[in-house]
């Protein structure tokens, strides 16, 4: 998974999204050892708060010391959950995202979608340093 330093910074500052994280198999995060993922092959290797990751190392950081890095699929799910009626279907969501992408500048699709999620759900925009309330 290709993850930019800016995406990691955006995720780190995305407090609302970090609070909703419930780490599960397949999730990507960055922590004490850098970028890692919880892997299905190691699901029986939990040791208290320690995790064995895809790279085979033990991540001994606590969950709250890790930064969750949502995948594109997880970001889209945030916009399509039943309680969220902003987008009745994926077609409307993709249409609005394409409009958003035409008028905003980010480095890659993950950054675009995270910024879109934040604008839509939390009415915040990315300033290159932090999320701030939209005027």
N, C-alpha and C. Protein backbone atom coordinates (compact mmCIF):
# COMPACT_ATOMS: atom_id res chain seq x y z
N UNK A 1 0.86 -1.18 0.00
CA UNK A 1 0.00 0.00 0.00
C UNK A 1 0.90 1.23 0.00
N UNK A 2 0.71 2.09 -0.96
CA UNK A 2 1.48 3.32 -1.07
C UNK A 2 0.81 4.41 -0.23
N UNK A 3 1.55 4.94 0.73
CA UNK A 3 0.98 5.94 1.64
C UNK A 3 1.95 7.12 1.72
N UNK A 4 1.45 8.30 1.41
CA UNK A 4 2.31 9.50 1.44
C UNK A 4 2.48 10.02 2.86
N UNK A 5 3.56 10.75 3.07
CA UNK A 5 3.78 11.38 4.38
C UNK A 5 2.66 12.37 4.69
N UNK A 6 2.15 13.04 3.66
CA UNK A 6 1.06 13.99 3.88
C UNK A 6 -0.22 13.27 4.31
N UNK A 7 -0.49 12.10 3.72
CA UNK A 7 -1.68 11.34 4.12
C UNK A 7 -1.55 10.90 5.58
N UNK A 8 -0.37 10.47 5.98
CA UNK A 8 -0.15 10.09 7.37
C UNK A 8 -0.40 11.29 8.29
N UNK A 9 0.09 12.45 7.90
CA UNK A 9 -0.11 13.66 8.70
C UNK A 9 -1.59 14.03 8.77
N UNK A 10 -2.28 13.93 7.63
CA UNK A 10 -3.72 14.22 7.60
C UNK A 10 -4.48 13.27 8.53
N UNK A 11 -4.11 11.99 8.50
CA UNK A 11 -4.77 11.00 9.37
C UNK A 11 -4.45 11.25 10.84
N UNK A 12 -3.22 11.59 11.11
CA UNK A 12 -2.82 11.86 12.50
C UNK A 12 -3.64 13.00 13.08
N UNK A 13 -3.91 14.02 12.31
CA UNK A 13 -4.65 15.19 12.78
C UNK A 13 -6.17 14.99 12.71
N UNK A 14 -6.61 13.91 12.10
CA UNK A 14 -8.04 13.63 11.94
C UNK A 14 -8.59 12.97 13.20
N UNK A 15 -8.75 13.76 14.25
CA UNK A 15 -9.13 13.23 15.56
C UNK A 15 -10.45 12.47 15.54
N UNK A 16 -11.44 12.98 14.81
CA UNK A 16 -12.75 12.32 14.78
C UNK A 16 -12.65 10.92 14.19
N UNK A 17 -11.85 10.79 13.15
CA UNK A 17 -11.69 9.49 12.51
C UNK A 17 -10.86 8.56 13.38
N UNK A 18 -9.83 9.08 14.01
CA UNK A 18 -9.00 8.25 14.88
C UNK A 18 -9.82 7.70 16.05
N UNK A 19 -10.73 8.50 16.58
CA UNK A 19 -11.55 8.06 17.72
C UNK A 19 -12.48 6.91 17.33
N UNK A 20 -12.90 6.86 16.07
CA UNK A 20 -13.85 5.83 15.66
C UNK A 20 -13.16 4.52 15.26
N UNK A 21 -11.85 4.52 15.24
CA UNK A 21 -11.11 3.33 14.80
C UNK A 21 -11.27 2.18 15.79
N UNK A 22 -11.61 1.05 15.25
CA UNK A 22 -11.61 -0.22 15.98
C UNK A 22 -10.70 -1.14 15.17
N UNK A 23 -9.41 -1.20 15.50
CA UNK A 23 -8.46 -1.95 14.69
C UNK A 23 -8.96 -3.36 14.44
N UNK A 24 -8.84 -3.78 13.18
CA UNK A 24 -9.22 -5.13 12.80
C UNK A 24 -8.25 -5.63 11.72
N UNK A 25 -8.32 -6.89 11.42
CA UNK A 25 -7.43 -7.47 10.43
C UNK A 25 -7.51 -6.70 9.12
N UNK A 26 -6.36 -6.48 8.53
CA UNK A 26 -6.28 -5.76 7.27
C UNK A 26 -6.05 -4.26 7.41
N UNK A 27 -6.24 -3.73 8.62
CA UNK A 27 -6.05 -2.29 8.84
C UNK A 27 -4.57 -1.91 8.75
N UNK A 28 -4.32 -0.76 8.20
CA UNK A 28 -2.99 -0.19 8.13
C UNK A 28 -2.84 0.88 9.20
N UNK A 29 -1.66 0.97 9.76
CA UNK A 29 -1.39 1.98 10.77
C UNK A 29 0.09 2.30 10.77
N UNK A 30 0.44 3.38 11.41
CA UNK A 30 1.84 3.70 11.63
C UNK A 30 2.02 3.87 13.12
N UNK A 31 3.13 3.43 13.59
CA UNK A 31 3.40 3.47 15.02
C UNK A 31 4.89 3.46 15.27
N UNK A 32 5.26 2.86 16.35
CA UNK A 32 6.66 2.84 16.79
C UNK A 32 7.61 2.29 15.72
N UNK A 33 7.16 1.28 14.97
CA UNK A 33 8.02 0.65 13.97
C UNK A 33 7.77 1.14 12.56
N UNK A 34 6.99 2.19 12.40
CA UNK A 34 6.67 2.69 11.06
C UNK A 34 5.40 2.06 10.53
N UNK A 35 5.28 2.01 9.24
CA UNK A 35 4.08 1.52 8.57
C UNK A 35 3.92 0.02 8.75
N UNK A 36 2.72 -0.41 9.12
CA UNK A 36 2.46 -1.84 9.31
C UNK A 36 0.97 -2.11 9.08
N UNK A 37 0.63 -3.38 8.97
CA UNK A 37 -0.76 -3.79 8.79
C UNK A 37 -1.05 -5.00 9.64
N UNK A 38 -2.25 -5.06 10.18
CA UNK A 38 -2.68 -6.27 10.88
C UNK A 38 -3.04 -7.30 9.82
N UNK A 39 -2.48 -8.46 9.90
CA UNK A 39 -2.62 -9.46 8.85
C UNK A 39 -3.39 -10.66 9.34
N UNK A 40 -4.28 -11.16 8.51
CA UNK A 40 -5.11 -12.33 8.83
C UNK A 40 -4.24 -13.54 9.20
N UNK A 41 -3.06 -13.66 8.61
CA UNK A 41 -2.19 -14.80 8.90
C UNK A 41 -1.72 -14.82 10.36
N UNK A 42 -1.75 -13.66 11.00
CA UNK A 42 -1.24 -13.56 12.36
C UNK A 42 -2.35 -13.33 13.39
N UNK A 43 -3.59 -13.60 13.03
CA UNK A 43 -4.70 -13.26 13.92
C UNK A 43 -4.65 -13.95 15.28
N UNK A 44 -3.97 -15.06 15.39
CA UNK A 44 -3.88 -15.75 16.67
C UNK A 44 -2.67 -15.30 17.49
N UNK A 45 -1.94 -14.33 16.97
CA UNK A 45 -0.71 -13.92 17.62
C UNK A 45 -0.83 -12.62 18.40
N UNK A 46 -2.02 -12.28 18.84
CA UNK A 46 -2.18 -11.13 19.73
C UNK A 46 -1.60 -11.51 21.09
N UNK A 47 -0.84 -10.62 21.66
CA UNK A 47 -0.30 -10.86 22.99
C UNK A 47 -0.60 -9.60 23.80
N UNK A 48 -1.71 -9.60 24.51
CA UNK A 48 -2.12 -8.41 25.25
C UNK A 48 -2.34 -7.25 24.29
N UNK A 49 -1.60 -6.17 24.49
CA UNK A 49 -1.69 -5.02 23.61
C UNK A 49 -0.71 -5.09 22.45
N UNK A 50 0.00 -6.21 22.31
CA UNK A 50 0.98 -6.35 21.24
C UNK A 50 0.32 -7.00 20.03
N UNK A 51 0.76 -6.59 18.85
CA UNK A 51 0.22 -7.14 17.61
C UNK A 51 1.35 -7.66 16.76
N UNK A 52 1.13 -8.79 16.13
CA UNK A 52 2.07 -9.25 15.11
C UNK A 52 1.53 -8.72 13.79
N UNK A 53 2.39 -8.13 13.01
CA UNK A 53 1.96 -7.47 11.78
C UNK A 53 2.39 -8.26 10.55
N UNK A 54 1.93 -7.80 9.41
CA UNK A 54 2.25 -8.43 8.14
C UNK A 54 3.76 -8.59 7.97
N UNK A 55 4.51 -7.63 8.45
CA UNK A 55 5.96 -7.69 8.33
C UNK A 55 6.57 -8.69 9.31
N UNK A 56 5.77 -9.26 10.21
CA UNK A 56 6.24 -10.26 11.13
C UNK A 56 6.81 -9.71 12.43
N UNK A 57 6.79 -8.40 12.59
CA UNK A 57 7.33 -7.82 13.82
C UNK A 57 6.21 -7.68 14.86
N UNK A 58 6.58 -7.46 16.08
CA UNK A 58 5.59 -7.21 17.12
C UNK A 58 5.49 -5.71 17.34
N UNK A 59 4.29 -5.19 17.20
CA UNK A 59 4.03 -3.77 17.43
C UNK A 59 3.63 -3.64 18.89
N UNK A 60 4.52 -3.10 19.73
CA UNK A 60 4.21 -3.05 21.15
C UNK A 60 3.67 -1.69 21.58
N UNK A 61 3.33 -0.86 20.61
CA UNK A 61 2.66 0.39 20.96
C UNK A 61 1.23 0.09 21.35
N UNK A 62 0.69 0.87 22.22
CA UNK A 62 -0.72 0.77 22.54
C UNK A 62 -1.52 1.33 21.37
N UNK A 63 -2.78 0.94 21.27
CA UNK A 63 -3.63 1.42 20.18
C UNK A 63 -3.63 2.93 20.08
N UNK A 64 -3.70 3.62 21.21
CA UNK A 64 -3.80 5.08 21.15
C UNK A 64 -2.48 5.75 20.79
N UNK A 65 -1.41 4.96 20.64
CA UNK A 65 -0.14 5.50 20.18
C UNK A 65 0.06 5.27 18.69
N UNK A 66 -0.89 4.60 18.05
CA UNK A 66 -0.82 4.31 16.62
C UNK A 66 -1.75 5.24 15.85
N UNK A 67 -1.39 5.50 14.63
CA UNK A 67 -2.23 6.32 13.75
C UNK A 67 -2.85 5.38 12.73
N UNK A 68 -4.18 5.31 12.76
CA UNK A 68 -4.91 4.49 11.81
C UNK A 68 -4.88 5.17 10.45
N UNK A 69 -4.61 4.40 9.41
CA UNK A 69 -4.54 4.91 8.04
C UNK A 69 -5.64 4.24 7.23
N UNK A 70 -6.84 4.83 7.21
CA UNK A 70 -7.96 4.18 6.52
C UNK A 70 -7.67 3.93 5.04
N UNK A 71 -8.13 2.80 4.56
CA UNK A 71 -8.04 2.49 3.13
C UNK A 71 -9.12 3.28 2.39
N UNK A 72 -9.02 3.31 1.08
CA UNK A 72 -10.07 3.98 0.29
C UNK A 72 -11.43 3.36 0.58
N UNK A 73 -11.48 2.05 0.65
CA UNK A 73 -12.75 1.37 0.94
C UNK A 73 -13.34 1.84 2.27
N UNK A 74 -12.51 1.95 3.30
CA UNK A 74 -12.99 2.39 4.61
C UNK A 74 -13.46 3.84 4.56
N UNK A 75 -12.76 4.68 3.80
CA UNK A 75 -13.20 6.08 3.67
C UNK A 75 -14.55 6.17 2.98
N UNK A 76 -14.74 5.40 1.91
CA UNK A 76 -16.03 5.41 1.22
C UNK A 76 -17.14 4.88 2.12
N UNK A 77 -16.84 3.87 2.92
CA UNK A 77 -17.85 3.33 3.84
C UNK A 77 -18.34 4.40 4.81
N UNK A 78 -17.46 5.31 5.22
CA UNK A 78 -17.87 6.37 6.13
C UNK A 78 -18.96 7.25 5.52
N UNK A 79 -18.93 7.40 4.22
CA UNK A 79 -19.91 8.25 3.54
C UNK A 79 -21.17 7.51 3.16
N UNK A 80 -21.12 6.19 3.16
CA UNK A 80 -22.26 5.40 2.70
C UNK A 80 -22.98 4.65 3.80
N UNK A 81 -22.59 4.86 5.05
CA UNK A 81 -23.28 4.16 6.14
C UNK A 81 -24.74 4.58 6.18
N UNK A 82 -25.63 3.71 6.65
CA UNK A 82 -27.06 4.01 6.64
C UNK A 82 -27.46 5.33 7.30
N UNK A 83 -26.79 5.71 8.39
CA UNK A 83 -27.17 6.95 9.07
C UNK A 83 -26.81 8.19 8.27
N UNK A 84 -25.92 8.02 7.30
CA UNK A 84 -25.49 9.15 6.49
C UNK A 84 -26.32 9.19 5.21
N UNK A 85 -27.19 10.18 5.10
CA UNK A 85 -28.07 10.27 3.94
C UNK A 85 -27.59 11.28 2.92
N UNK A 86 -26.32 11.70 3.03
CA UNK A 86 -25.79 12.65 2.06
C UNK A 86 -25.79 12.07 0.65
N UNK A 87 -25.48 10.78 0.55
CA UNK A 87 -25.36 10.15 -0.75
C UNK A 87 -26.21 8.89 -0.78
N UNK A 88 -27.28 8.91 -1.56
CA UNK A 88 -28.17 7.75 -1.59
C UNK A 88 -27.53 6.52 -2.22
N UNK A 89 -26.49 6.72 -3.04
CA UNK A 89 -25.83 5.58 -3.67
C UNK A 89 -24.42 5.97 -4.09
N UNK A 90 -23.67 4.99 -4.56
CA UNK A 90 -22.28 5.22 -4.95
C UNK A 90 -22.16 6.16 -6.15
N UNK A 91 -23.14 6.14 -7.04
CA UNK A 91 -23.09 7.03 -8.21
C UNK A 91 -23.06 8.49 -7.78
N UNK A 92 -23.95 8.88 -6.87
CA UNK A 92 -23.98 10.27 -6.39
C UNK A 92 -22.69 10.62 -5.66
N UNK A 93 -22.18 9.69 -4.89
CA UNK A 93 -20.94 9.91 -4.15
C UNK A 93 -19.77 10.15 -5.11
N UNK A 94 -19.63 9.30 -6.10
CA UNK A 94 -18.53 9.45 -7.06
C UNK A 94 -18.68 10.75 -7.85
N UNK A 95 -19.89 11.11 -8.20
CA UNK A 95 -20.12 12.36 -8.92
C UNK A 95 -19.67 13.56 -8.09
N UNK A 96 -20.05 13.62 -6.82
CA UNK A 96 -19.65 14.74 -5.96
C UNK A 96 -18.15 14.73 -5.69
N UNK A 97 -17.57 13.55 -5.55
CA UNK A 97 -16.13 13.47 -5.34
C UNK A 97 -15.37 14.00 -6.56
N UNK A 98 -15.86 13.70 -7.76
CA UNK A 98 -15.18 14.19 -8.96
C UNK A 98 -15.24 15.71 -9.05
N UNK A 99 -16.34 16.31 -8.63
CA UNK A 99 -16.45 17.77 -8.59
C UNK A 99 -15.44 18.32 -7.57
N UNK A 100 -15.38 17.69 -6.40
CA UNK A 100 -14.44 18.11 -5.35
C UNK A 100 -13.00 18.03 -5.85
N UNK A 101 -12.68 16.97 -6.57
CA UNK A 101 -11.31 16.79 -7.06
C UNK A 101 -10.95 17.83 -8.12
N UNK A 102 -11.92 18.31 -8.85
CA UNK A 102 -11.65 19.29 -9.90
C UNK A 102 -11.25 20.66 -9.33
N UNK A 103 -11.66 20.95 -8.10
CA UNK A 103 -11.40 22.28 -7.54
C UNK A 103 -10.44 22.27 -6.35
N UNK A 104 -9.89 21.13 -6.01
CA UNK A 104 -8.95 21.01 -4.89
C UNK A 104 -7.67 20.34 -5.36
N UNK A 105 -6.59 20.62 -4.68
CA UNK A 105 -5.28 20.07 -5.06
C UNK A 105 -4.70 19.23 -3.92
N UNK A 106 -4.60 17.94 -4.17
CA UNK A 106 -3.94 17.02 -3.25
C UNK A 106 -3.00 16.14 -4.06
N UNK A 107 -2.19 15.36 -3.41
CA UNK A 107 -1.15 14.58 -4.08
C UNK A 107 -1.60 13.23 -4.62
N UNK A 108 -2.64 12.65 -4.01
CA UNK A 108 -3.08 11.33 -4.46
C UNK A 108 -4.54 11.10 -4.06
N UNK A 109 -5.09 10.01 -4.54
CA UNK A 109 -6.52 9.75 -4.35
C UNK A 109 -6.89 9.60 -2.87
N UNK A 110 -6.02 9.00 -2.06
CA UNK A 110 -6.34 8.85 -0.63
C UNK A 110 -6.49 10.21 0.05
N UNK A 111 -5.60 11.13 -0.28
CA UNK A 111 -5.68 12.48 0.30
C UNK A 111 -6.96 13.17 -0.15
N UNK A 112 -7.32 13.03 -1.43
CA UNK A 112 -8.56 13.63 -1.93
C UNK A 112 -9.77 13.08 -1.18
N UNK A 113 -9.83 11.76 -1.06
CA UNK A 113 -11.01 11.16 -0.44
C UNK A 113 -11.07 11.48 1.05
N UNK A 114 -9.94 11.46 1.75
CA UNK A 114 -9.95 11.84 3.17
C UNK A 114 -10.41 13.29 3.33
N UNK A 115 -9.91 14.19 2.50
CA UNK A 115 -10.33 15.60 2.58
C UNK A 115 -11.81 15.73 2.28
N UNK A 116 -12.31 14.96 1.34
CA UNK A 116 -13.74 14.98 1.00
C UNK A 116 -14.58 14.47 2.17
N UNK A 117 -14.15 13.37 2.76
CA UNK A 117 -14.85 12.82 3.93
C UNK A 117 -14.90 13.85 5.05
N UNK A 118 -13.79 14.49 5.29
CA UNK A 118 -13.73 15.47 6.38
C UNK A 118 -14.62 16.68 6.10
N UNK A 119 -14.65 17.11 4.86
CA UNK A 119 -15.52 18.24 4.53
C UNK A 119 -16.98 17.86 4.67
N UNK A 120 -17.33 16.69 4.19
CA UNK A 120 -18.73 16.27 4.19
C UNK A 120 -19.25 15.91 5.59
N UNK A 121 -18.45 15.19 6.36
CA UNK A 121 -18.92 14.73 7.66
C UNK A 121 -18.66 15.69 8.81
N UNK A 122 -17.57 16.45 8.73
CA UNK A 122 -17.17 17.29 9.86
C UNK A 122 -17.07 18.77 9.51
N UNK A 123 -17.34 19.10 8.26
CA UNK A 123 -17.29 20.50 7.79
C UNK A 123 -15.95 21.14 8.09
N UNK A 124 -14.89 20.38 7.82
CA UNK A 124 -13.53 20.86 8.04
C UNK A 124 -12.72 20.74 6.76
N UNK A 125 -11.74 21.62 6.63
CA UNK A 125 -10.83 21.57 5.48
C UNK A 125 -9.40 21.44 5.98
N UNK A 126 -8.53 20.91 5.12
CA UNK A 126 -7.13 20.68 5.45
C UNK A 126 -6.32 21.91 5.05
N UNK A 127 -5.50 22.43 5.98
CA UNK A 127 -4.70 23.62 5.73
C UNK A 127 -3.24 23.31 5.44
N UNK A 128 -2.89 22.08 5.25
CA UNK A 128 -1.52 21.58 5.11
C UNK A 128 -0.88 21.32 6.47
N UNK A 129 -1.55 21.71 7.54
CA UNK A 129 -1.04 21.48 8.90
C UNK A 129 -2.09 20.88 9.83
N UNK A 130 -3.36 21.25 9.62
CA UNK A 130 -4.42 20.79 10.52
C UNK A 130 -5.77 20.92 9.83
N UNK A 131 -6.78 20.30 10.47
CA UNK A 131 -8.16 20.41 10.01
C UNK A 131 -8.80 21.62 10.72
N UNK A 132 -9.46 22.49 9.96
CA UNK A 132 -10.13 23.65 10.54
C UNK A 132 -11.56 23.71 10.04
N UNK A 133 -12.43 24.27 10.85
CA UNK A 133 -13.84 24.43 10.47
C UNK A 133 -13.94 25.26 9.20
N UNK A 134 -14.80 24.80 8.30
CA UNK A 134 -15.05 25.51 7.06
C UNK A 134 -15.91 26.74 7.34
N UNK A 135 -15.63 27.82 6.67
CA UNK A 135 -16.44 29.06 6.86
C UNK A 135 -17.77 28.97 6.17
